[in-house]
Amino acid sequence: QVQLVESGGGSVQAGGSLRLSCAATSVNIFSINAMGWNRQAPGKQRELVATITRGGSAIYADSVKGRFTIPRDNAKNAVYLEMNSLKPEDTAVYYCNADVAGLRYWGKGTLVTVSS
């Protein structure tokens, strides 16, 4: 069973930075296709933040372009989310996901709180 373990959430003031990490376990390093991050703010639907293919092509939500980057380390089955210039509206639970053999797996989420 593929498991995704996130870390790096926390509280930060507006304008600050955080780095989220996600590692996939119990899966062959060559089996993971796209990996990404979604987030869900209180009272809102889960939304895409960023996704990256195995080859390194990334897509970002308009709301985070220029502020967030999504590096990936295939050898470690890991994906990261580097968040800069954080805004209060970035406050949410951030979920890592990975596509393996046509199925999408999700982490349990990590909370990011940005205060003004």
C-alpha atoms as a PDB file:
ATOM      1  CA  GLN A   1       0.000   0.000   0.000  1.00  0.00           C
ATOM      2  CA  VAL A   2       1.458   3.332  -1.082  1.00  0.00           C
ATOM      3  CA  GLN A   3       1.719   5.831   1.761  1.00  0.00           C
ATOM      4  CA  LEU A   4       2.499   9.517   1.545  1.00  0.00           C
ATOM      5  CA  VAL A   5       3.944  11.249   4.581  1.00  0.00           C
ATOM      6  CA  GLU A   6       3.917  15.043   4.692  1.00  0.00           C
ATOM      7  CA  SER A   7       5.886  17.335   6.949  1.00  0.00           C
ATOM      8  CA  GLY A   8       6.843  20.985   7.249  1.00  0.00           C
ATOM      9  CA  GLY A   9       3.577  22.717   7.991  1.00  0.00           C
ATOM     10  CA  GLY A  10       3.258  25.356  10.667  1.00  0.00           C
ATOM     11  CA  SER A  11       2.475  28.959  11.414  1.00  0.00           C
ATOM     12  CA  VAL A  12       4.139  31.909   9.742  1.00  0.00           C
ATOM     13  CA  GLN A  13       3.528  35.607   9.336  1.00  0.00           C
ATOM     14  CA  ALA A  14       2.508  37.088   6.018  1.00  0.00           C
ATOM     15  CA  GLY A  15       5.488  37.520   3.746  1.00  0.00           C
ATOM     16  CA  GLY A  16       7.268  34.543   5.267  1.00  0.00           C
ATOM     17  CA  SER A  17       8.300  31.214   3.808  1.00  0.00           C
ATOM     18  CA  LEU A  18       7.710  27.535   4.484  1.00  0.00           C
ATOM     19  CA  ARG A  19       8.876  24.326   2.851  1.00  0.00           C
ATOM     20  CA  LEU A  20       6.635  21.275   2.789  1.00  0.00           C
ATOM     21  CA  SER A  21       7.992  17.799   2.193  1.00  0.00           C
ATOM     22  CA  CYS A  22       6.264  14.612   1.077  1.00  0.00           C
ATOM     23  CA  ALA A  23       7.796  11.168   0.830  1.00  0.00           C
ATOM     24  CA  ALA A  24       6.146   8.149  -0.740  1.00  0.00           C
ATOM     25  CA  THR A  25       6.801   4.756   0.841  1.00  0.00           C
ATOM     26  CA  SER A  26       6.057   1.153  -0.135  1.00  0.00           C
ATOM     27  CA  VAL A  27       6.403   1.930  -3.839  1.00  0.00           C
ATOM     28  CA  ASN A  28       9.040   1.336  -6.473  1.00  0.00           C
ATOM     29  CA  ILE A  29      10.891   4.521  -7.360  1.00  0.00           C
ATOM     30  CA  PHE A  30      10.067   3.992 -11.043  1.00  0.00           C
ATOM     31  CA  SER A  31       6.317   3.550 -10.476  1.00  0.00           C
ATOM     32  CA  ILE A  32       5.303   7.068  -9.507  1.00  0.00           C
ATOM     33  CA  ASN A  33       4.127   9.319 -12.295  1.00  0.00           C
ATOM     34  CA  ALA A  34       2.857  12.789 -11.390  1.00  0.00           C
ATOM     35  CA  MET A  35       3.130  14.124  -7.855  1.00  0.00           C
ATOM     36  CA  GLY A  36       1.577  17.255  -6.507  1.00  0.00           C
ATOM     37  CA  TRP A  37       0.016  19.346  -3.810  1.00  0.00           C
ATOM     38  CA  ASN A  38      -3.578  20.383  -3.265  1.00  0.00           C
ATOM     39  CA  ARG A  39      -4.966  22.452  -0.421  1.00  0.00           C
ATOM     40  CA  GLN A  40      -8.245  22.942   1.348  1.00  0.00           C
ATOM     41  CA  ALA A  41      -9.072  26.103   3.236  1.00  0.00           C
ATOM     42  CA  PRO A  42     -11.821  26.179   5.883  1.00  0.00           C
ATOM     43  CA  GLY A  43     -15.228  26.145   4.238  1.00  0.00           C
ATOM     44  CA  LYS A  44     -13.802  25.734   0.752  1.00  0.00           C
ATOM     45  CA  GLN A  45     -13.274  22.899  -1.697  1.00  0.00           C
ATOM     46  CA  ARG A  46      -9.933  21.241  -2.167  1.00  0.00           C
ATOM     47  CA  GLU A  47      -7.984  22.924  -4.964  1.00  0.00           C
ATOM     48  CA  LEU A  48      -4.871  22.253  -6.983  1.00  0.00           C
ATOM     49  CA  VAL A  49      -1.760  24.107  -5.873  1.00  0.00           C
ATOM     50  CA  ALA A  50       0.900  22.557  -8.094  1.00  0.00           C
ATOM     51  CA  THR A  51       1.734  19.330  -9.837  1.00  0.00           C
ATOM     52  CA  ILE A  52       4.906  17.971 -11.422  1.00  0.00           C
ATOM     53  CA  THR A  53       5.477  15.085 -13.824  1.00  0.00           C
ATOM     54  CA  ARG A  54       8.207  12.518 -13.448  1.00  0.00           C
ATOM     55  CA  GLY A  55      10.095  14.385 -16.141  1.00  0.00           C
ATOM     56  CA  GLY A  56       9.935  17.656 -14.235  1.00  0.00           C
ATOM     57  CA  SER A  57       7.183  19.590 -16.008  1.00  0.00           C
ATOM     58  CA  ALA A  58       5.251  21.622 -13.466  1.00  0.00           C
ATOM     59  CA  ILE A  59       1.888  23.348 -13.415  1.00  0.00           C
ATOM     60  CA  TYR A  60       0.881  25.937 -10.832  1.00  0.00           C
ATOM     61  CA  ALA A  61      -2.399  27.465  -9.791  1.00  0.00           C
ATOM     62  CA  ASP A  62      -2.599  31.105 -10.841  1.00  0.00           C
ATOM     63  CA  SER A  63      -2.870  32.132  -7.197  1.00  0.00           C
ATOM     64  CA  VAL A  64       0.612  30.772  -6.365  1.00  0.00           C
ATOM     65  CA  LYS A  65       2.556  31.403  -9.581  1.00  0.00           C
ATOM     66  CA  GLY A  66       5.775  33.248  -8.901  1.00  0.00           C
ATOM     67  CA  ARG A  67       5.610  32.485  -5.166  1.00  0.00           C
ATOM     68  CA  PHE A  68       5.605  28.681  -4.911  1.00  0.00           C
ATOM     69  CA  THR A  69       7.824  26.071  -6.536  1.00  0.00           C
ATOM     70  CA  ILE A  70       7.474  22.283  -6.594  1.00  0.00           C
ATOM     71  CA  PRO A  71      10.827  20.511  -6.744  1.00  0.00           C
ATOM     72  CA  ARG A  72      10.894  16.740  -6.935  1.00  0.00           C
ATOM     73  CA  ASP A  73      13.505  14.081  -6.126  1.00  0.00           C
ATOM     74  CA  ASN A  74      12.670  10.887  -8.012  1.00  0.00           C
ATOM     75  CA  ALA A  75      15.430   8.911  -6.325  1.00  0.00           C
ATOM     76  CA  LYS A  76      13.840   9.610  -2.942  1.00  0.00           C
ATOM     77  CA  ASN A  77      10.204   9.299  -4.071  1.00  0.00           C
ATOM     78  CA  ALA A  78       9.822  12.800  -2.696  1.00  0.00           C
ATOM     79  CA  VAL A  79       8.170  16.036  -3.670  1.00  0.00           C
ATOM     80  CA  TYR A  80       8.436  19.391  -1.971  1.00  0.00           C
ATOM     81  CA  LEU A  81       6.527  22.650  -1.956  1.00  0.00           C
ATOM     82  CA  GLU A  82       8.595  25.768  -1.415  1.00  0.00           C
ATOM     83  CA  MET A  83       6.304  28.593  -0.455  1.00  0.00           C
ATOM     84  CA  ASN A  84       7.477  32.204  -0.403  1.00  0.00           C
ATOM     85  CA  SER A  85       5.712  35.538   0.098  1.00  0.00           C
ATOM     86  CA  LEU A  86       2.956  33.739   1.953  1.00  0.00           C
ATOM     87  CA  LYS A  87      -0.409  35.440   2.309  1.00  0.00           C
ATOM     88  CA  PRO A  88      -3.212  34.888   4.823  1.00  0.00           C
ATOM     89  CA  GLU A  89      -5.287  33.395   1.989  1.00  0.00           C
ATOM     90  CA  ASP A  90      -2.709  30.606   1.690  1.00  0.00           C
ATOM     91  CA  THR A  91      -3.928  29.283   5.041  1.00  0.00           C
ATOM     92  CA  ALA A  92      -5.142  25.727   4.466  1.00  0.00           C
ATOM     93  CA  VAL A  93      -4.452  22.063   4.976  1.00  0.00           C
ATOM     94  CA  TYR A  94      -2.007  21.018   2.277  1.00  0.00           C
ATOM     95  CA  TYR A  95      -2.269  17.505   0.852  1.00  0.00           C
ATOM     96  CA  CYS A  96       0.392  15.670  -1.096  1.00  0.00           C
ATOM     97  CA  ASN A  97      -0.688  13.303  -3.860  1.00  0.00           C
ATOM     98  CA  ALA A  98       0.963  10.794  -6.157  1.00  0.00           C
ATOM     99  CA  ASP A  99      -0.225   8.913  -9.221  1.00  0.00           C
ATOM    100  CA  VAL A 100       0.812   5.264  -9.269  1.00  0.00           C
ATOM    101  CA  ALA A 101      -0.421   2.750 -11.854  1.00  0.00           C
ATOM    102  CA  GLY A 102      -3.476   4.807 -12.649  1.00  0.00           C
ATOM    103  CA  LEU A 103      -4.470   5.420  -9.041  1.00  0.00           C
ATOM    104  CA  ARG A 104      -4.093   8.624  -7.045  1.00  0.00           C
ATOM    105  CA  TYR A 105      -2.893   8.379  -3.480  1.00  0.00           C
ATOM    106  CA  TRP A 106      -3.196  11.113  -0.861  1.00  0.00           C
ATOM    107  CA  GLY A 107      -1.368  12.063   2.281  1.00  0.00           C
ATOM    108  CA  LYS A 108      -3.179  12.980   5.472  1.00  0.00           C
ATOM    109  CA  GLY A 109      -2.382  16.660   5.125  1.00  0.00           C
ATOM    110  CA  THR A 110      -0.342  19.257   6.938  1.00  0.00           C
ATOM    111  CA  LEU A 111      -1.701  22.555   8.222  1.00  0.00           C
ATOM    112  CA  VAL A 112      -0.257  25.870   7.097  1.00  0.00           C
ATOM    113  CA  THR A 113      -1.426  28.988   8.908  1.00  0.00           C
ATOM    114  CA  VAL A 114      -0.440  32.452   7.676  1.00  0.00           C
ATOM    115  CA  SER A 115      -1.202  35.365   9.966  1.00  0.00           C
ATOM    116  CA  SER A 116      -1.453  38.982   8.891  1.00  0.00           C
END
